[in-house]
Amino acid sequence: KYYEEYCMGWFRQTPGKKREAVASIDSDGNTIYAPSVKGRATVS
């Protein structure tokens, strides 16, 4: 459904590891990146 006003995020997980936050984008389009992907990732 329409989710314009939602905060959205990306995560990743490997076997035996905790779920890791990758990036987020809020309802205004502001983005935050984890150090592991900063400079290599773009969330939109």
ModelCIF file with pLDDT and N, C-alpha, C, O atoms, coordinates in Angstrom:
data_MODEL
#
_entry.id   MODEL 
#
_entity.id                         1 
_entity.type                       polymer 
_entity.pdbx_number_of_molecules   1 
#
_entity_poly.entity_id                      1 
_entity_poly.type                           'polypeptide(L)' 
_entity_poly.nstd_linkage                   no 
_entity_poly.nstd_monomer                   no 
_entity_poly.pdbx_seq_one_letter_code       KYYEEYCMGWFRQTPGKKREAVASIDSDGNTIYAPSVKGRATVS 
_entity_poly.pdbx_seq_one_letter_code_can   KYYEEYCMGWFRQTPGKKREAVASIDSDGNTIYAPSVKGRATVS 
_entity_poly.pdbx_strand_id                 A 
#
loop_
_entity_poly_seq.entity_id 
_entity_poly_seq.num 
_entity_poly_seq.mon_id 
_entity_poly_seq.hetero 
1 1  LYS n 
1 2  TYR n 
1 3  TYR n 
1 4  GLU n 
1 5  GLU n 
1 6  TYR n 
1 7  CYS n 
1 8  MET n 
1 9  GLY n 
1 10 TRP n 
1 11 PHE n 
1 12 ARG n 
1 13 GLN n 
1 14 THR n 
1 15 PRO n 
1 16 GLY n 
1 17 LYS n 
1 18 LYS n 
1 19 ARG n 
1 20 GLU n 
1 21 ALA n 
1 22 VAL n 
1 23 ALA n 
1 24 SER n 
1 25 ILE n 
1 26 ASP n 
1 27 SER n 
1 28 ASP n 
1 29 GLY n 
1 30 ASN n 
1 31 THR n 
1 32 ILE n 
1 33 TYR n 
1 34 ALA n 
1 35 PRO n 
1 36 SER n 
1 37 VAL n 
1 38 LYS n 
1 39 GLY n 
1 40 ARG n 
1 41 ALA n 
1 42 THR n 
1 43 VAL n 
1 44 SER n 
#
_struct_asym.id          A 
_struct_asym.entity_id   1 
#
loop_
_ma_qa_metric.id 
_ma_qa_metric.mode 
_ma_qa_metric.name 
_ma_qa_metric.software_group_id 
_ma_qa_metric.type 
1 global pLDDT . pLDDT 
2 local  pLDDT . pLDDT 
#
_ma_qa_metric_global.metric_id      1 
_ma_qa_metric_global.metric_value   93.93 
_ma_qa_metric_global.model_id       1 
_ma_qa_metric_global.ordinal_id     1 
#
loop_
_ma_qa_metric_local.label_asym_id 
_ma_qa_metric_local.label_comp_id 
_ma_qa_metric_local.label_seq_id 
_ma_qa_metric_local.metric_id 
_ma_qa_metric_local.metric_value 
_ma_qa_metric_local.model_id 
_ma_qa_metric_local.ordinal_id 
A LYS 1  2 81.00 1 1  
A TYR 2  2 75.00 1 2  
A TYR 3  2 74.00 1 3  
A GLU 4  2 74.00 1 4  
A GLU 5  2 86.00 1 5  
A TYR 6  2 92.00 1 6  
A CYS 7  2 95.00 1 7  
A MET 8  2 96.00 1 8  
A GLY 9  2 97.00 1 9  
A TRP 10 2 98.00 1 10 
A PHE 11 2 98.00 1 11 
A ARG 12 2 98.00 1 12 
A GLN 13 2 98.00 1 13 
A THR 14 2 95.00 1 14 
A PRO 15 2 91.00 1 15 
A GLY 16 2 91.00 1 16 
A LYS 17 2 94.00 1 17 
A LYS 18 2 94.00 1 18 
A ARG 19 2 96.00 1 19 
A GLU 20 2 97.00 1 20 
A ALA 21 2 97.00 1 21 
A VAL 22 2 98.00 1 22 
A ALA 23 2 98.00 1 23 
A SER 24 2 97.00 1 24 
A ILE 25 2 97.00 1 25 
A ASP 26 2 94.00 1 26 
A SER 27 2 92.00 1 27 
A ASP 28 2 92.00 1 28 
A GLY 29 2 94.00 1 29 
A ASN 30 2 96.00 1 30 
A THR 31 2 97.00 1 31 
A ILE 32 2 98.00 1 32 
A TYR 33 2 98.00 1 33 
A ALA 34 2 97.00 1 34 
A PRO 35 2 96.00 1 35 
A SER 36 2 95.00 1 36 
A VAL 37 2 97.00 1 37 
A LYS 38 2 94.00 1 38 
A GLY 39 2 97.00 1 39 
A ARG 40 2 98.00 1 40 
A ALA 41 2 98.00 1 41 
A THR 42 2 98.00 1 42 
A VAL 43 2 98.00 1 43 
A SER 44 2 97.00 1 44 
#
loop_
_atom_site.group_PDB 
_atom_site.id 
_atom_site.type_symbol 
_atom_site.label_atom_id 
_atom_site.label_alt_id 
_atom_site.label_comp_id 
_atom_site.label_asym_id 
_atom_site.label_entity_id 
_atom_site.label_seq_id 
_atom_site.pdbx_PDB_ins_code 
_atom_site.Cartn_x 
_atom_site.Cartn_y 
_atom_site.Cartn_z 
_atom_site.occupancy 
_atom_site.B_iso_or_equiv 
_atom_site.pdbx_formal_charge 
_atom_site.auth_seq_id 
_atom_site.auth_comp_id 
_atom_site.auth_asym_id 
_atom_site.auth_atom_id 
_atom_site.pdbx_PDB_model_num 
ATOM 1   N N  . LYS A 1 1  ? 0.829  -1.189  0.000  1.00 81.00 ? 1  LYS A N  1 
ATOM 2   C CA . LYS A 1 1  ? 0.000  0.000   0.000  1.00 81.00 ? 1  LYS A CA 1 
ATOM 3   C C  . LYS A 1 1  ? 0.869  1.245   0.000  1.00 81.00 ? 1  LYS A C  1 
ATOM 4   O O  . LYS A 1 1  ? 2.088  1.159   0.147  1.00 81.00 ? 1  LYS A O  1 
ATOM 5   N N  . TYR A 1 2  ? 0.250  2.387   -0.163 1.00 75.00 ? 2  TYR A N  1 
ATOM 6   C CA . TYR A 1 2  ? 0.940  3.669   -0.123 1.00 75.00 ? 2  TYR A CA 1 
ATOM 7   C C  . TYR A 1 2  ? 1.636  3.842   1.221  1.00 75.00 ? 2  TYR A C  1 
ATOM 8   O O  . TYR A 1 2  ? 0.996  3.742   2.268  1.00 75.00 ? 2  TYR A O  1 
ATOM 9   N N  . TYR A 1 3  ? 2.953  4.103   1.201  1.00 74.00 ? 3  TYR A N  1 
ATOM 10  C CA . TYR A 1 3  ? 3.718  4.185   2.447  1.00 74.00 ? 3  TYR A CA 1 
ATOM 11  C C  . TYR A 1 3  ? 4.582  5.442   2.500  1.00 74.00 ? 3  TYR A C  1 
ATOM 12  O O  . TYR A 1 3  ? 5.653  5.425   3.107  1.00 74.00 ? 3  TYR A O  1 
ATOM 13  N N  . GLU A 1 4  ? 4.142  6.508   1.887  1.00 74.00 ? 4  GLU A N  1 
ATOM 14  C CA . GLU A 1 4  ? 4.910  7.753   1.818  1.00 74.00 ? 4  GLU A CA 1 
ATOM 15  C C  . GLU A 1 4  ? 5.331  8.262   3.191  1.00 74.00 ? 4  GLU A C  1 
ATOM 16  O O  . GLU A 1 4  ? 6.401  8.855   3.320  1.00 74.00 ? 4  GLU A O  1 
ATOM 17  N N  . GLU A 1 5  ? 4.519  8.045   4.215  1.00 86.00 ? 5  GLU A N  1 
ATOM 18  C CA . GLU A 1 5  ? 4.790  8.581   5.542  1.00 86.00 ? 5  GLU A CA 1 
ATOM 19  C C  . GLU A 1 5  ? 5.505  7.599   6.461  1.00 86.00 ? 5  GLU A C  1 
ATOM 20  O O  . GLU A 1 5  ? 5.597  7.848   7.663  1.00 86.00 ? 5  GLU A O  1 
ATOM 21  N N  . TYR A 1 6  ? 6.015  6.485   5.926  1.00 92.00 ? 6  TYR A N  1 
ATOM 22  C CA . TYR A 1 6  ? 6.731  5.485   6.714  1.00 92.00 ? 6  TYR A CA 1 
ATOM 23  C C  . TYR A 1 6  ? 8.229  5.741   6.725  1.00 92.00 ? 6  TYR A C  1 
ATOM 24  O O  . TYR A 1 6  ? 8.801  6.215   5.742  1.00 92.00 ? 6  TYR A O  1 
ATOM 25  N N  . CYS A 1 7  ? 8.856  5.421   7.851  1.00 95.00 ? 7  CYS A N  1 
ATOM 26  C CA . CYS A 1 7  ? 10.293 5.205   7.873  1.00 95.00 ? 7  CYS A CA 1 
ATOM 27  C C  . CYS A 1 7  ? 10.567 3.836   7.255  1.00 95.00 ? 7  CYS A C  1 
ATOM 28  O O  . CYS A 1 7  ? 9.893  2.859   7.581  1.00 95.00 ? 7  CYS A O  1 
ATOM 29  N N  . MET A 1 8  ? 11.551 3.764   6.368  1.00 96.00 ? 8  MET A N  1 
ATOM 30  C CA . MET A 1 8  ? 11.896 2.518   5.707  1.00 96.00 ? 8  MET A CA 1 
ATOM 31  C C  . MET A 1 8  ? 13.369 2.192   5.937  1.00 96.00 ? 8  MET A C  1 
ATOM 32  O O  . MET A 1 8  ? 14.202 3.093   6.041  1.00 96.00 ? 8  MET A O  1 
ATOM 33  N N  . GLY A 1 9  ? 13.684 0.908   6.017  1.00 97.00 ? 9  GLY A N  1 
ATOM 34  C CA . GLY A 1 9  ? 15.055 0.513   6.268  1.00 97.00 ? 9  GLY A CA 1 
ATOM 35  C C  . GLY A 1 9  ? 15.457 -0.759  5.549  1.00 97.00 ? 9  GLY A C  1 
ATOM 36  O O  . GLY A 1 9  ? 14.612 -1.566  5.161  1.00 97.00 ? 9  GLY A O  1 
ATOM 37  N N  . TRP A 1 10 ? 16.770 -0.927  5.374  1.00 98.00 ? 10 TRP A N  1 
ATOM 38  C CA . TRP A 1 10 ? 17.362 -2.141  4.817  1.00 98.00 ? 10 TRP A CA 1 
ATOM 39  C C  . TRP A 1 10 ? 18.260 -2.789  5.871  1.00 98.00 ? 10 TRP A C  1 
ATOM 40  O O  . TRP A 1 10 ? 19.008 -2.109  6.574  1.00 98.00 ? 10 TRP A O  1 
ATOM 41  N N  . PHE A 1 11 ? 18.171 -4.111  5.965  1.00 98.00 ? 11 PHE A N  1 
ATOM 42  C CA . PHE A 1 11 ? 18.998 -4.903  6.865  1.00 98.00 ? 11 PHE A CA 1 
ATOM 43  C C  . PHE A 1 11 ? 19.608 -6.066  6.095  1.00 98.00 ? 11 PHE A C  1 
ATOM 44  O O  . PHE A 1 11 ? 19.177 -6.388  4.988  1.00 98.00 ? 11 PHE A O  1 
ATOM 45  N N  . ARG A 1 12 ? 20.615 -6.690  6.695  1.00 98.00 ? 12 ARG A N  1 
ATOM 46  C CA . ARG A 1 12 ? 21.165 -7.914  6.129  1.00 98.00 ? 12 ARG A CA 1 
ATOM 47  C C  . ARG A 1 12 ? 21.583 -8.846  7.252  1.00 98.00 ? 12 ARG A C  1 
ATOM 48  O O  . ARG A 1 12 ? 21.884 -8.412  8.364  1.00 98.00 ? 12 ARG A O  1 
ATOM 49  N N  . GLN A 1 13 ? 21.597 -10.151 6.938  1.00 98.00 ? 13 GLN A N  1 
ATOM 50  C CA . GLN A 1 13 ? 21.919 -11.151 7.942  1.00 98.00 ? 13 GLN A CA 1 
ATOM 51  C C  . GLN A 1 13 ? 22.573 -12.361 7.285  1.00 98.00 ? 13 GLN A C  1 
ATOM 52  O O  . GLN A 1 13 ? 22.128 -12.827 6.237  1.00 98.00 ? 13 GLN A O  1 
ATOM 53  N N  . THR A 1 14 ? 23.643 -12.867 7.917  1.00 95.00 ? 14 THR A N  1 
ATOM 54  C CA . THR A 1 14 ? 24.319 -14.084 7.485  1.00 95.00 ? 14 THR A CA 1 
ATOM 55  C C  . THR A 1 14 ? 24.158 -15.140 8.568  1.00 95.00 ? 14 THR A C  1 
ATOM 56  O O  . THR A 1 14 ? 23.891 -14.798 9.720  1.00 95.00 ? 14 THR A O  1 
ATOM 57  N N  . PRO A 1 15 ? 24.317 -16.431 8.221  1.00 91.00 ? 15 PRO A N  1 
ATOM 58  C CA . PRO A 1 15 ? 24.159 -17.490 9.226  1.00 91.00 ? 15 PRO A CA 1 
ATOM 59  C C  . PRO A 1 15 ? 25.073 -17.288 10.424 1.00 91.00 ? 15 PRO A C  1 
ATOM 60  O O  . PRO A 1 15 ? 26.270 -17.043 10.271 1.00 91.00 ? 15 PRO A O  1 
ATOM 61  N N  . GLY A 1 16 ? 24.500 -17.394 11.615 1.00 91.00 ? 16 GLY A N  1 
ATOM 62  C CA . GLY A 1 16 ? 25.261 -17.244 12.837 1.00 91.00 ? 16 GLY A CA 1 
ATOM 63  C C  . GLY A 1 16 ? 25.531 -15.820 13.261 1.00 91.00 ? 16 GLY A C  1 
ATOM 64  O O  . GLY A 1 16 ? 26.172 -15.593 14.287 1.00 91.00 ? 16 GLY A O  1 
ATOM 65  N N  . LYS A 1 17 ? 25.054 -14.849 12.489 1.00 94.00 ? 17 LYS A N  1 
ATOM 66  C CA . LYS A 1 17 ? 25.288 -13.446 12.804 1.00 94.00 ? 17 LYS A CA 1 
ATOM 67  C C  . LYS A 1 17 ? 23.970 -12.735 13.123 1.00 94.00 ? 17 LYS A C  1 
ATOM 68  O O  . LYS A 1 17 ? 22.896 -13.159 12.695 1.00 94.00 ? 17 LYS A O  1 
ATOM 69  N N  . LYS A 1 18 ? 24.081 -11.652 13.881 1.00 94.00 ? 18 LYS A N  1 
ATOM 70  C CA . LYS A 1 18 ? 22.914 -10.831 14.177 1.00 94.00 ? 18 LYS A CA 1 
ATOM 71  C C  . LYS A 1 18 ? 22.516 -10.028 12.948 1.00 94.00 ? 18 LYS A C  1 
ATOM 72  O O  . LYS A 1 18 ? 23.338 -9.744  12.076 1.00 94.00 ? 18 LYS A O  1 
ATOM 73  N N  . ARG A 1 19 ? 21.251 -9.671  12.897 1.00 96.00 ? 19 ARG A N  1 
ATOM 74  C CA . ARG A 1 19 ? 20.771 -8.849  11.810 1.00 96.00 ? 19 ARG A CA 1 
ATOM 75  C C  . ARG A 1 19 ? 21.417 -7.467  11.887 1.00 96.00 ? 19 ARG A C  1 
ATOM 76  O O  . ARG A 1 19 ? 21.407 -6.827  12.939 1.00 96.00 ? 19 ARG A O  1 
ATOM 77  N N  . GLU A 1 20 ? 21.977 -7.015  10.770 1.00 97.00 ? 20 GLU A N  1 
ATOM 78  C CA . GLU A 1 20 ? 22.745 -5.780  10.712 1.00 97.00 ? 20 GLU A CA 1 
ATOM 79  C C  . GLU A 1 20 ? 21.982 -4.717  9.945  1.00 97.00 ? 20 GLU A C  1 
ATOM 80  O O  . GLU A 1 20 ? 21.529 -4.958  8.827  1.00 97.00 ? 20 GLU A O  1 
ATOM 81  N N  . ALA A 1 21 ? 21.839 -3.545  10.539 1.00 97.00 ? 21 ALA A N  1 
ATOM 82  C CA . ALA A 1 21 ? 21.234 -2.421  9.832  1.00 97.00 ? 21 ALA A CA 1 
ATOM 83  C C  . ALA A 1 21 ? 22.175 -1.934  8.744  1.00 97.00 ? 21 ALA A C  1 
ATOM 84  O O  . ALA A 1 21 ? 23.370 -1.764  8.987  1.00 97.00 ? 21 ALA A O  1 
ATOM 85  N N  . VAL A 1 22 ? 21.650 -1.709  7.549  1.00 98.00 ? 22 VAL A N  1 
ATOM 86  C CA . VAL A 1 22 ? 22.423 -1.241  6.406  1.00 98.00 ? 22 VAL A CA 1 
ATOM 87  C C  . VAL A 1 22 ? 22.163 0.227   6.128  1.00 98.00 ? 22 VAL A C  1 
ATOM 88  O O  . VAL A 1 22 ? 23.101 1.007   5.962  1.00 98.00 ? 22 VAL A O  1 
ATOM 89  N N  . ALA A 1 23 ? 20.892 0.607   6.076  1.00 98.00 ? 23 ALA A N  1 
ATOM 90  C CA . ALA A 1 23 ? 20.533 1.979   5.742  1.00 98.00 ? 23 ALA A CA 1 
ATOM 91  C C  . ALA A 1 23 ? 19.091 2.248   6.131  1.00 98.00 ? 23 ALA A C  1 
ATOM 92  O O  . ALA A 1 23 ? 18.310 1.319   6.334  1.00 98.00 ? 23 ALA A O  1 
ATOM 93  N N  . SER A 1 24 ? 18.742 3.526   6.234  1.00 97.00 ? 24 SER A N  1 
ATOM 94  C CA . SER A 1 24 ? 17.369 3.931   6.480  1.00 97.00 ? 24 SER A CA 1 
ATOM 95  C C  . SER A 1 24 ? 17.048 5.175   5.675  1.00 97.00 ? 24 SER A C  1 
ATOM 96  O O  . SER A 1 24 ? 17.942 5.928   5.287  1.00 97.00 ? 24 SER A O  1 
ATOM 97  N N  . ILE A 1 25 ? 15.760 5.383   5.426  1.00 97.00 ? 25 ILE A N  1 
ATOM 98  C CA . ILE A 1 25 ? 15.289 6.589   4.755  1.00 97.00 ? 25 ILE A CA 1 
ATOM 99  C C  . ILE A 1 25 ? 13.949 6.957   5.368  1.00 97.00 ? 25 ILE A C  1 
ATOM 100 O O  . ILE A 1 25 ? 13.030 6.138   5.400  1.00 97.00 ? 25 ILE A O  1 
ATOM 101 N N  . ASP A 1 26 ? 13.832 8.198   5.860  1.00 94.00 ? 26 ASP A N  1 
ATOM 102 C CA . ASP A 1 26 ? 12.607 8.588   6.525  1.00 94.00 ? 26 ASP A CA 1 
ATOM 103 C C  . ASP A 1 26 ? 11.590 9.145   5.541  1.00 94.00 ? 26 ASP A C  1 
ATOM 104 O O  . ASP A 1 26 ? 11.821 9.163   4.332  1.00 94.00 ? 26 ASP A O  1 
ATOM 105 N N  . SER A 1 27 ? 10.462 9.600   6.076  1.00 92.00 ? 27 SER A N  1 
ATOM 106 C CA . SER A 1 27 ? 9.374  10.062  5.220  1.00 92.00 ? 27 SER A CA 1 
ATOM 107 C C  . SER A 1 27 ? 9.710  11.337  4.458  1.00 92.00 ? 27 SER A C  1 
ATOM 108 O O  . SER A 1 27 ? 9.040  11.670  3.480  1.00 92.00 ? 27 SER A O  1 
ATOM 109 N N  . ASP A 1 28 ? 10.747 12.057  4.900  1.00 92.00 ? 28 ASP A N  1 
ATOM 110 C CA . ASP A 1 28 ? 11.200 13.261  4.207  1.00 92.00 ? 28 ASP A CA 1 
ATOM 111 C C  . ASP A 1 28 ? 12.337 12.985  3.229  1.00 92.00 ? 28 ASP A C  1 
ATOM 112 O O  . ASP A 1 28 ? 12.804 13.899  2.549  1.00 92.00 ? 28 ASP A O  1 
ATOM 113 N N  . GLY A 1 29 ? 12.788 11.729  3.152  1.00 94.00 ? 29 GLY A N  1 
ATOM 114 C CA . GLY A 1 29 ? 13.862 11.371  2.248  1.00 94.00 ? 29 GLY A CA 1 
ATOM 115 C C  . GLY A 1 29 ? 15.252 11.458  2.841  1.00 94.00 ? 29 GLY A C  1 
ATOM 116 O O  . GLY A 1 29 ? 16.233 11.281  2.118  1.00 94.00 ? 29 GLY A O  1 
ATOM 117 N N  . ASN A 1 30 ? 15.372 11.728  4.140  1.00 96.00 ? 30 ASN A N  1 
ATOM 118 C CA . ASN A 1 30 ? 16.673 11.757  4.795  1.00 96.00 ? 30 ASN A CA 1 
ATOM 119 C C  . ASN A 1 30 ? 17.218 10.346  4.942  1.00 96.00 ? 30 ASN A C  1 
ATOM 120 O O  . ASN A 1 30 ? 16.486 9.430   5.317  1.00 96.00 ? 30 ASN A O  1 
ATOM 121 N N  . THR A 1 31 ? 18.506 10.166  4.645  1.00 97.00 ? 31 THR A N  1 
ATOM 122 C CA . THR A 1 31 ? 19.116 8.841   4.650  1.00 97.00 ? 31 THR A CA 1 
ATOM 123 C C  . THR A 1 31 ? 20.224 8.727   5.683  1.00 97.00 ? 31 THR A C  1 
ATOM 124 O O  . THR A 1 31 ? 20.896 9.707   6.006  1.00 97.00 ? 31 THR A O  1 
ATOM 125 N N  . ILE A 1 32 ? 20.405 7.509   6.199  1.00 98.00 ? 32 ILE A N  1 
ATOM 126 C CA . ILE A 1 32 ? 21.476 7.176   7.128  1.00 98.00 ? 32 ILE A CA 1 
ATOM 127 C C  . ILE A 1 32 ? 22.060 5.840   6.686  1.00 98.00 ? 32 ILE A C  1 
ATOM 128 O O  . ILE A 1 32 ? 21.320 4.928   6.317  1.00 98.00 ? 32 ILE A O  1 
ATOM 129 N N  . TYR A 1 33 ? 23.402 5.722   6.723  1.00 98.00 ? 33 TYR A N  1 
ATOM 130 C CA . TYR A 1 33 ? 24.081 4.511   6.284  1.00 98.00 ? 33 TYR A CA 1 
ATOM 131 C C  . TYR A 1 33 ? 24.966 3.945   7.377  1.00 98.00 ? 33 TYR A C  1 
ATOM 132 O O  . TYR A 1 33 ? 25.551 4.683   8.169  1.00 98.00 ? 33 TYR A O  1 
ATOM 133 N N  . ALA A 1 34 ? 25.056 2.623   7.410  1.00 97.00 ? 34 ALA A N  1 
ATOM 134 C CA . ALA A 1 34 ? 25.970 1.962   8.321  1.00 97.00 ? 34 ALA A CA 1 
ATOM 135 C C  . ALA A 1 34 ? 27.405 2.148   7.832  1.00 97.00 ? 34 ALA A C  1 
ATOM 136 O O  . ALA A 1 34 ? 27.633 2.281   6.630  1.00 97.00 ? 34 ALA A O  1 
ATOM 137 N N  . PRO A 1 35 ? 28.388 2.159   8.761  1.00 96.00 ? 35 PRO A N  1 
ATOM 138 C CA . PRO A 1 35 ? 29.788 2.301   8.338  1.00 96.00 ? 35 PRO A CA 1 
ATOM 139 C C  . PRO A 1 35 ? 30.236 1.261   7.324  1.00 96.00 ? 35 PRO A C  1 
ATOM 140 O O  . PRO A 1 35 ? 31.086 1.552   6.483  1.00 96.00 ? 35 PRO A O  1 
ATOM 141 N N  . SER A 1 36 ? 29.684 0.057   7.385  1.00 95.00 ? 36 SER A N  1 
ATOM 142 C CA . SER A 1 36 ? 30.107 -1.016  6.500  1.00 95.00 ? 36 SER A CA 1 
ATOM 143 C C  . SER A 1 36 ? 29.773 -0.763  5.037  1.00 95.00 ? 36 SER A C  1 
ATOM 144 O O  . SER A 1 36 ? 30.395 -1.359  4.157  1.00 95.00 ? 36 SER A O  1 
ATOM 145 N N  . VAL A 1 37 ? 28.804 0.111   4.754  1.00 97.00 ? 37 VAL A N  1 
ATOM 146 C CA . VAL A 1 37 ? 28.403 0.378   3.379  1.00 97.00 ? 37 VAL A CA 1 
ATOM 147 C C  . VAL A 1 37 ? 28.495 1.842   3.000  1.00 97.00 ? 37 VAL A C  1 
ATOM 148 O O  . VAL A 1 37 ? 28.247 2.194   1.847  1.00 97.00 ? 37 VAL A O  1 
ATOM 149 N N  . LYS A 1 38 ? 28.844 2.702   3.943  1.00 94.00 ? 38 LYS A N  1 
ATOM 150 C CA . LYS A 1 38 ? 28.904 4.135   3.660  1.00 94.00 ? 38 LYS A CA 1 
ATOM 151 C C  . LYS A 1 38 ? 29.876 4.413   2.524  1.00 94.00 ? 38 LYS A C  1 
ATOM 152 O O  . LYS A 1 38 ? 31.009 3.931   2.523  1.00 94.00 ? 38 LYS A O  1 
ATOM 153 N N  . GLY A 1 39 ? 29.414 5.198   1.559  1.00 97.00 ? 39 GLY A N  1 
ATOM 154 C CA . GLY A 1 39 ? 30.209 5.500   0.385  1.00 97.00 ? 39 GLY A CA 1 
ATOM 155 C C  . GLY A 1 39 ? 29.983 4.541   -0.761 1.00 97.00 ? 39 GLY A C  1 
ATOM 156 O O  . GLY A 1 39 ? 30.390 4.828   -1.886 1.00 97.00 ? 39 GLY A O  1 
ATOM 157 N N  . ARG A 1 40 ? 29.339 3.397   -0.509 1.00 98.00 ? 40 ARG A N  1 
ATOM 158 C CA . ARG A 1 40 ? 29.077 2.403   -1.535 1.00 98.00 ? 40 ARG A CA 1 
ATOM 159 C C  . ARG A 1 40 ? 27.587 2.183   -1.768 1.00 98.00 ? 40 ARG A C  1 
ATOM 160 O O  . ARG A 1 40 ? 27.203 1.581   -2.770 1.00 98.00 ? 40 ARG A O  1 
ATOM 161 N N  . ALA A 1 41 ? 26.744 2.662   -0.859 1.00 98.00 ? 41 ALA A N  1 
ATOM 162 C CA . ALA A 1 41 ? 25.311 2.379   -0.900 1.00 98.00 ? 41 ALA A CA 1 
ATOM 163 C C  . ALA A 1 41 ? 24.496 3.643   -1.110 1.00 98.00 ? 41 ALA A C  1 
ATOM 164 O O  . ALA A 1 41 ? 24.879 4.731   -0.679 1.00 98.00 ? 41 ALA A O  1 
ATOM 165 N N  . THR A 1 42 ? 23.365 3.475   -1.779 1.00 98.00 ? 42 THR A N  1 
ATOM 166 C CA . THR A 1 42 ? 22.397 4.546   -1.955 1.00 98.00 ? 42 THR A CA 1 
ATOM 167 C C  . THR A 1 42 ? 21.001 3.977   -1.742 1.00 98.00 ? 42 THR A C  1 
ATOM 168 O O  . THR A 1 42 ? 20.589 3.056   -2.447 1.00 98.00 ? 42 THR A O  1 
ATOM 169 N N  . VAL A 1 43 ? 20.278 4.519   -0.779 1.00 98.00 ? 43 VAL A N  1 
ATOM 170 C CA . VAL A 1 43 ? 18.899 4.118   -0.549 1.00 98.00 ? 43 VAL A CA 1 
ATOM 171 C C  . VAL A 1 43 ? 17.989 5.233   -1.047 1.00 98.00 ? 43 VAL A C  1 
ATOM 172 O O  . VAL A 1 43 ? 18.253 6.411   -0.807 1.00 98.00 ? 43 VAL A O  1 
ATOM 173 N N  . SER A 1 44 ? 16.930 4.865   -1.730 1.00 97.00 ? 44 SER A N  1 
ATOM 174 C CA . SER A 1 44 ? 15.994 5.842   -2.270 1.00 97.00 ? 44 SER A CA 1 
ATOM 175 C C  . SER A 1 44 ? 14.586 5.267   -2.223 1.00 97.00 ? 44 SER A C  1 
ATOM 176 O O  . SER A 1 44 ? 13.634 5.930   -2.633 1.00 97.00 ? 44 SER A O  1 
#
